[in-house]
Amino acid sequence: MLFDNCQECRIKSTAVSALNKDELEFLSRNCTPGIFRRGDPILKEGDPSRYIVYIRDGFAKQFKKSSRGEEQIINVVKKGSYVGLHNIIKTSCVNYISAKAIKDVSACFISRECFDELLRRNGEFASRVISCICEDEVLFINRLLNNQQQQLYGRLADALLYFLHVVYGENPFVLDLTKTELALFIGSSRESVTRALKQLQDSGIIKSERKTICILDEEKLKQLRKKG
């Protein structure tokens, strides 16, 4: 895949679209492209925090290991998203979380020094980055509360609606997470998630065929999420 320079890139993030010509040239000099196949690590928790990563295409999961070494999936990111924004914290020396491609990904690695300089130079760029961080935080807080307060079907319904509206934006959608990863995402077991998906299908709420999920009755799914 050929990568455009930042000035000519047609898939700029909303934030980068606020940069002027000189700032885009500065970004180009400090941006390194990369291609990742499914399963390839993009960022690794504990490695030196050198980059903020922009996802040009594909899907990736962000996750963190618990004290017991268990993987906790934080979210799924798509093209147009940033990974590793925590690296703009000046006291951060290592990556706080990991990111891995769950579908082939093309990405741009922006040096943290460059990103920080652009934040200081361009107020609109900084404002749009802050908006991205706030939106992610709201989604994460809502999911965290749901996972703590809801039973399995409520958490699964919440996750399916999240994939439908936030991640994929289409119905049906191909879920790039495995059943095990979906279980980690909602804090359950693979066996329980498999049974719950089958029950939702038998009830006519969804149709699931291999990795493709079609939401047949979104209102019932929303009711499940509300009831918890």
Protein backbone atom coordinates (compact mmCIF):
# COMPACT_ATOMS: atom_id res chain seq x y z
CA MET A 1 0.00 0.00 0.00
CA LEU A 2 1.27 3.46 -0.90
CA PHE A 3 0.95 6.14 1.74
CA ASP A 4 0.25 9.77 0.88
CA ASN A 5 2.16 12.48 2.65
CA CYS A 6 0.10 14.37 5.22
CA GLN A 7 -0.66 17.26 2.88
CA GLU A 8 -2.16 14.97 0.23
CA CYS A 9 -3.74 12.40 2.55
CA ARG A 10 -7.46 12.01 1.86
CA ILE A 11 -8.22 10.26 5.16
CA LYS A 12 -6.95 12.84 7.60
CA SER A 13 -8.38 12.77 11.09
CA THR A 14 -10.76 15.55 12.08
CA ALA A 15 -7.99 16.99 14.24
CA VAL A 16 -5.30 16.94 11.52
CA SER A 17 -7.71 18.68 9.14
CA ALA A 18 -7.27 21.77 11.35
CA LEU A 19 -3.51 22.00 10.61
CA ASN A 20 -2.09 24.53 8.17
CA LYS A 21 0.39 23.76 5.38
CA ASP A 22 3.53 24.28 7.49
CA GLU A 23 2.12 22.16 10.31
CA LEU A 24 1.21 19.38 7.88
CA GLU A 25 4.76 19.43 6.51
CA PHE A 26 6.08 19.21 10.09
CA LEU A 27 3.75 16.28 10.73
CA SER A 28 4.92 14.51 7.55
CA ARG A 29 8.55 14.70 8.69
CA ASN A 30 7.68 13.06 11.99
CA CYS A 31 5.21 10.42 10.80
CA THR A 32 6.09 6.82 9.92
CA PRO A 33 3.60 4.51 8.14
CA GLY A 34 3.07 0.87 9.06
CA ILE A 35 1.05 -2.15 7.90
CA PHE A 36 -0.22 -4.78 10.34
CA ARG A 37 -1.89 -8.12 9.69
CA ARG A 38 -4.55 -9.60 11.95
CA GLY A 39 -2.95 -10.51 15.27
CA ASP A 40 0.07 -8.21 14.85
CA PRO A 41 0.88 -5.97 17.84
CA ILE A 42 0.67 -2.23 17.17
CA LEU A 43 1.58 -1.00 20.66
CA LYS A 44 2.73 -3.10 23.60
CA GLU A 45 2.01 -2.28 27.22
CA GLY A 46 5.24 -1.47 29.05
CA ASP A 47 7.29 -0.58 25.96
CA PRO A 48 8.75 2.95 25.76
CA SER A 49 6.02 5.47 24.90
CA ARG A 50 7.36 7.02 21.71
CA TYR A 51 4.31 7.36 19.47
CA ILE A 52 0.68 8.28 19.04
CA VAL A 53 -0.82 6.01 16.36
CA TYR A 54 -3.42 7.07 13.81
CA ILE A 55 -5.47 4.21 12.33
CA ARG A 56 -5.87 4.87 8.61
CA ASP A 57 -7.76 1.68 7.85
CA GLY A 58 -8.82 -1.53 9.57
CA PHE A 59 -9.77 -2.38 13.15
CA ALA A 60 -7.72 -2.87 16.31
CA LYS A 61 -8.43 -3.74 19.92
CA GLN A 62 -6.94 -1.86 22.85
CA PHE A 63 -6.39 -3.90 25.98
CA LYS A 64 -4.56 -4.04 29.28
CA LYS A 65 -3.33 -6.95 31.38
CA SER A 66 -4.74 -7.37 34.88
CA SER A 67 -2.55 -8.11 37.91
CA ARG A 68 -3.27 -11.79 37.24
CA GLY A 69 -2.11 -11.51 33.64
CA GLU A 70 -5.63 -11.65 32.18
CA GLU A 71 -6.41 -9.56 29.12
CA GLN A 72 -9.06 -6.88 29.56
CA ILE A 73 -10.27 -5.41 26.26
CA ILE A 74 -10.94 -1.70 26.65
CA ASN A 75 -12.38 -0.91 23.25
CA VAL A 76 -12.29 -1.56 19.53
CA VAL A 77 -10.99 1.25 17.32
CA LYS A 78 -11.60 1.81 13.61
CA LYS A 79 -10.12 3.98 10.88
CA GLY A 80 -9.95 7.62 11.83
CA SER A 81 -9.11 6.81 15.46
CA TYR A 82 -6.03 7.51 17.53
CA VAL A 83 -4.34 4.86 19.65
CA GLY A 84 -2.03 5.67 22.54
CA LEU A 85 -3.21 9.22 23.28
CA HIS A 86 -2.16 8.56 26.88
CA ASN A 87 1.40 8.97 25.60
CA ILE A 88 0.95 12.75 25.45
CA ILE A 89 1.16 12.75 29.26
CA LYS A 90 4.60 14.20 29.94
CA THR A 91 5.26 11.89 32.90
CA SER A 92 4.42 8.80 30.84
CA CYS A 93 7.54 6.77 30.04
CA VAL A 94 5.92 3.54 28.83
CA ASN A 95 2.79 2.53 26.93
CA TYR A 96 -0.09 2.22 29.38
CA ILE A 97 -2.06 -0.18 27.18
CA SER A 98 -1.52 -2.56 24.28
CA ALA A 99 -3.10 -2.46 20.82
CA LYS A 100 -3.37 -5.32 18.36
CA ALA A 101 -4.83 -5.58 14.86
CA ILE A 102 -8.02 -7.65 14.72
CA LYS A 103 -8.26 -6.98 10.99
CA ASP A 104 -5.53 -5.82 8.61
CA VAL A 105 -4.55 -2.30 9.67
CA SER A 106 -2.67 0.54 8.03
CA ALA A 107 -1.47 3.15 10.49
CA CYS A 108 0.73 6.20 10.93
CA PHE A 109 3.12 6.48 13.89
CA ILE A 110 3.46 10.10 14.99
CA SER A 111 6.31 10.92 17.35
CA ARG A 112 5.01 12.10 20.72
CA GLU A 113 7.28 15.16 20.51
CA CYS A 114 5.70 16.15 17.19
CA PHE A 115 2.18 15.57 18.50
CA ASP A 116 2.90 17.62 21.61
CA GLU A 117 4.32 20.46 19.51
CA LEU A 118 1.20 20.52 17.32
CA LEU A 119 -0.99 20.65 20.42
CA ARG A 120 0.90 23.74 21.56
CA ARG A 121 0.96 25.40 18.13
CA ASN A 122 -2.64 24.91 17.03
CA GLY A 123 -5.53 25.48 19.43
CA GLU A 124 -8.16 24.01 17.11
CA PHE A 125 -6.09 20.85 16.67
CA ALA A 126 -5.76 20.59 20.47
CA SER A 127 -9.49 21.15 20.95
CA ARG A 128 -10.39 18.37 18.52
CA VAL A 129 -7.95 15.94 20.15
CA ILE A 130 -9.46 16.74 23.56
CA SER A 131 -12.92 16.05 22.11
CA CYS A 132 -11.72 12.62 20.93
CA ILE A 133 -10.37 11.85 24.40
CA CYS A 134 -13.60 12.98 26.09
CA GLU A 135 -15.80 10.93 23.74
CA ASP A 136 -13.71 7.82 24.40
CA GLU A 137 -13.86 8.46 28.15
CA VAL A 138 -17.66 8.77 28.15
CA LEU A 139 -18.00 5.51 26.20
CA PHE A 140 -15.58 3.74 28.53
CA ILE A 141 -17.30 4.99 31.70
CA ASN A 142 -20.70 3.89 30.41
CA ARG A 143 -19.38 0.45 29.47
CA LEU A 144 -17.59 0.11 32.83
CA LEU A 145 -20.79 0.92 34.74
CA ASN A 146 -22.82 -1.43 32.56
CA ASN A 147 -20.37 -4.29 33.08
CA GLN A 148 -20.55 -3.77 36.85
CA GLN A 149 -24.31 -3.39 37.13
CA GLN A 150 -25.74 -5.57 34.37
CA GLN A 151 -26.19 -9.29 34.03
CA LEU A 152 -24.82 -11.23 31.05
CA TYR A 153 -27.66 -10.46 28.61
CA GLY A 154 -27.60 -6.76 29.42
CA ARG A 155 -23.83 -6.58 28.92
CA LEU A 156 -24.04 -8.55 25.67
CA ALA A 157 -26.85 -6.34 24.36
CA ASP A 158 -24.83 -3.24 25.25
CA ALA A 159 -21.79 -4.64 23.42
CA LEU A 160 -23.76 -5.52 20.28
CA LEU A 161 -25.28 -2.03 20.16
CA TYR A 162 -21.79 -0.55 20.66
CA PHE A 163 -20.45 -2.55 17.71
CA LEU A 164 -23.48 -1.63 15.60
CA HIS A 165 -23.44 2.13 16.17
CA VAL A 166 -19.92 3.08 17.30
CA VAL A 167 -17.54 0.61 15.66
CA TYR A 168 -19.06 -0.66 12.41
CA GLY A 169 -21.97 1.65 11.67
CA GLU A 170 -23.76 -0.92 9.54
CA ASN A 171 -26.20 -3.78 9.90
CA PRO A 172 -25.33 -6.58 9.44
CA PHE A 173 -21.69 -6.33 10.51
CA VAL A 174 -18.77 -8.74 10.60
CA LEU A 175 -17.55 -8.98 14.19
CA ASP A 176 -13.76 -9.10 14.07
CA LEU A 177 -13.47 -10.27 17.69
CA THR A 178 -13.44 -13.99 18.45
CA LYS A 179 -15.97 -15.41 20.91
CA THR A 180 -13.20 -15.48 23.52
CA GLU A 181 -12.38 -11.81 22.88
CA LEU A 182 -16.06 -10.87 23.02
CA ALA A 183 -16.27 -12.64 26.38
CA LEU A 184 -13.24 -10.69 27.64
CA PHE A 185 -14.83 -7.49 26.38
CA ILE A 186 -17.96 -7.96 28.52
CA GLY A 187 -16.35 -9.78 31.44
CA SER A 188 -17.78 -13.26 30.92
CA SER A 189 -16.76 -16.70 29.71
CA ARG A 190 -16.68 -17.92 26.13
CA GLU A 191 -19.19 -20.66 26.88
CA SER A 192 -21.66 -18.22 28.47
CA VAL A 193 -21.38 -15.78 25.55
CA THR A 194 -21.92 -18.58 23.02
CA ARG A 195 -25.07 -19.72 24.82
CA ALA A 196 -26.36 -16.14 25.14
CA LEU A 197 -25.83 -15.42 21.44
CA LYS A 198 -27.74 -18.59 20.57
CA GLN A 199 -30.59 -17.56 22.89
CA LEU A 200 -30.77 -14.11 21.26
CA GLN A 201 -30.90 -15.80 17.86
CA ASP A 202 -33.57 -18.29 18.94
CA SER A 203 -35.61 -15.34 20.25
CA GLY A 204 -35.44 -13.60 16.86
CA ILE A 205 -33.46 -10.61 18.19
CA ILE A 206 -30.33 -11.27 16.16
CA LYS A 207 -29.16 -13.53 13.37
CA SER A 208 -25.65 -14.90 13.77
CA GLU A 209 -23.81 -16.80 11.05
CA ARG A 210 -20.14 -17.44 11.62
CA LYS A 211 -18.73 -13.96 12.29
CA THR A 212 -21.60 -11.99 10.71
CA ILE A 213 -24.22 -10.57 13.06
CA CYS A 214 -27.46 -9.00 11.94
CA ILE A 215 -29.59 -7.11 14.46
CA LEU A 216 -33.19 -8.10 13.67
CA ASP A 217 -34.94 -6.36 16.58
CA GLU A 218 -32.95 -3.40 17.89
CA GLU A 219 -35.74 -2.28 20.23
CA LYS A 220 -35.71 -5.60 22.10
CA LEU A 221 -31.92 -5.38 22.28
CA LYS A 222 -32.24 -1.89 23.82
CA GLN A 223 -34.79 -3.23 26.30
CA LEU A 224 -32.35 -5.96 27.33
CA ARG A 225 -29.64 -3.36 27.82
CA LYS A 226 -31.98 -1.20 29.91
CA LYS A 227 -33.19 -4.08 32.09
CA GLY A 228 -29.61 -5.22 32.61
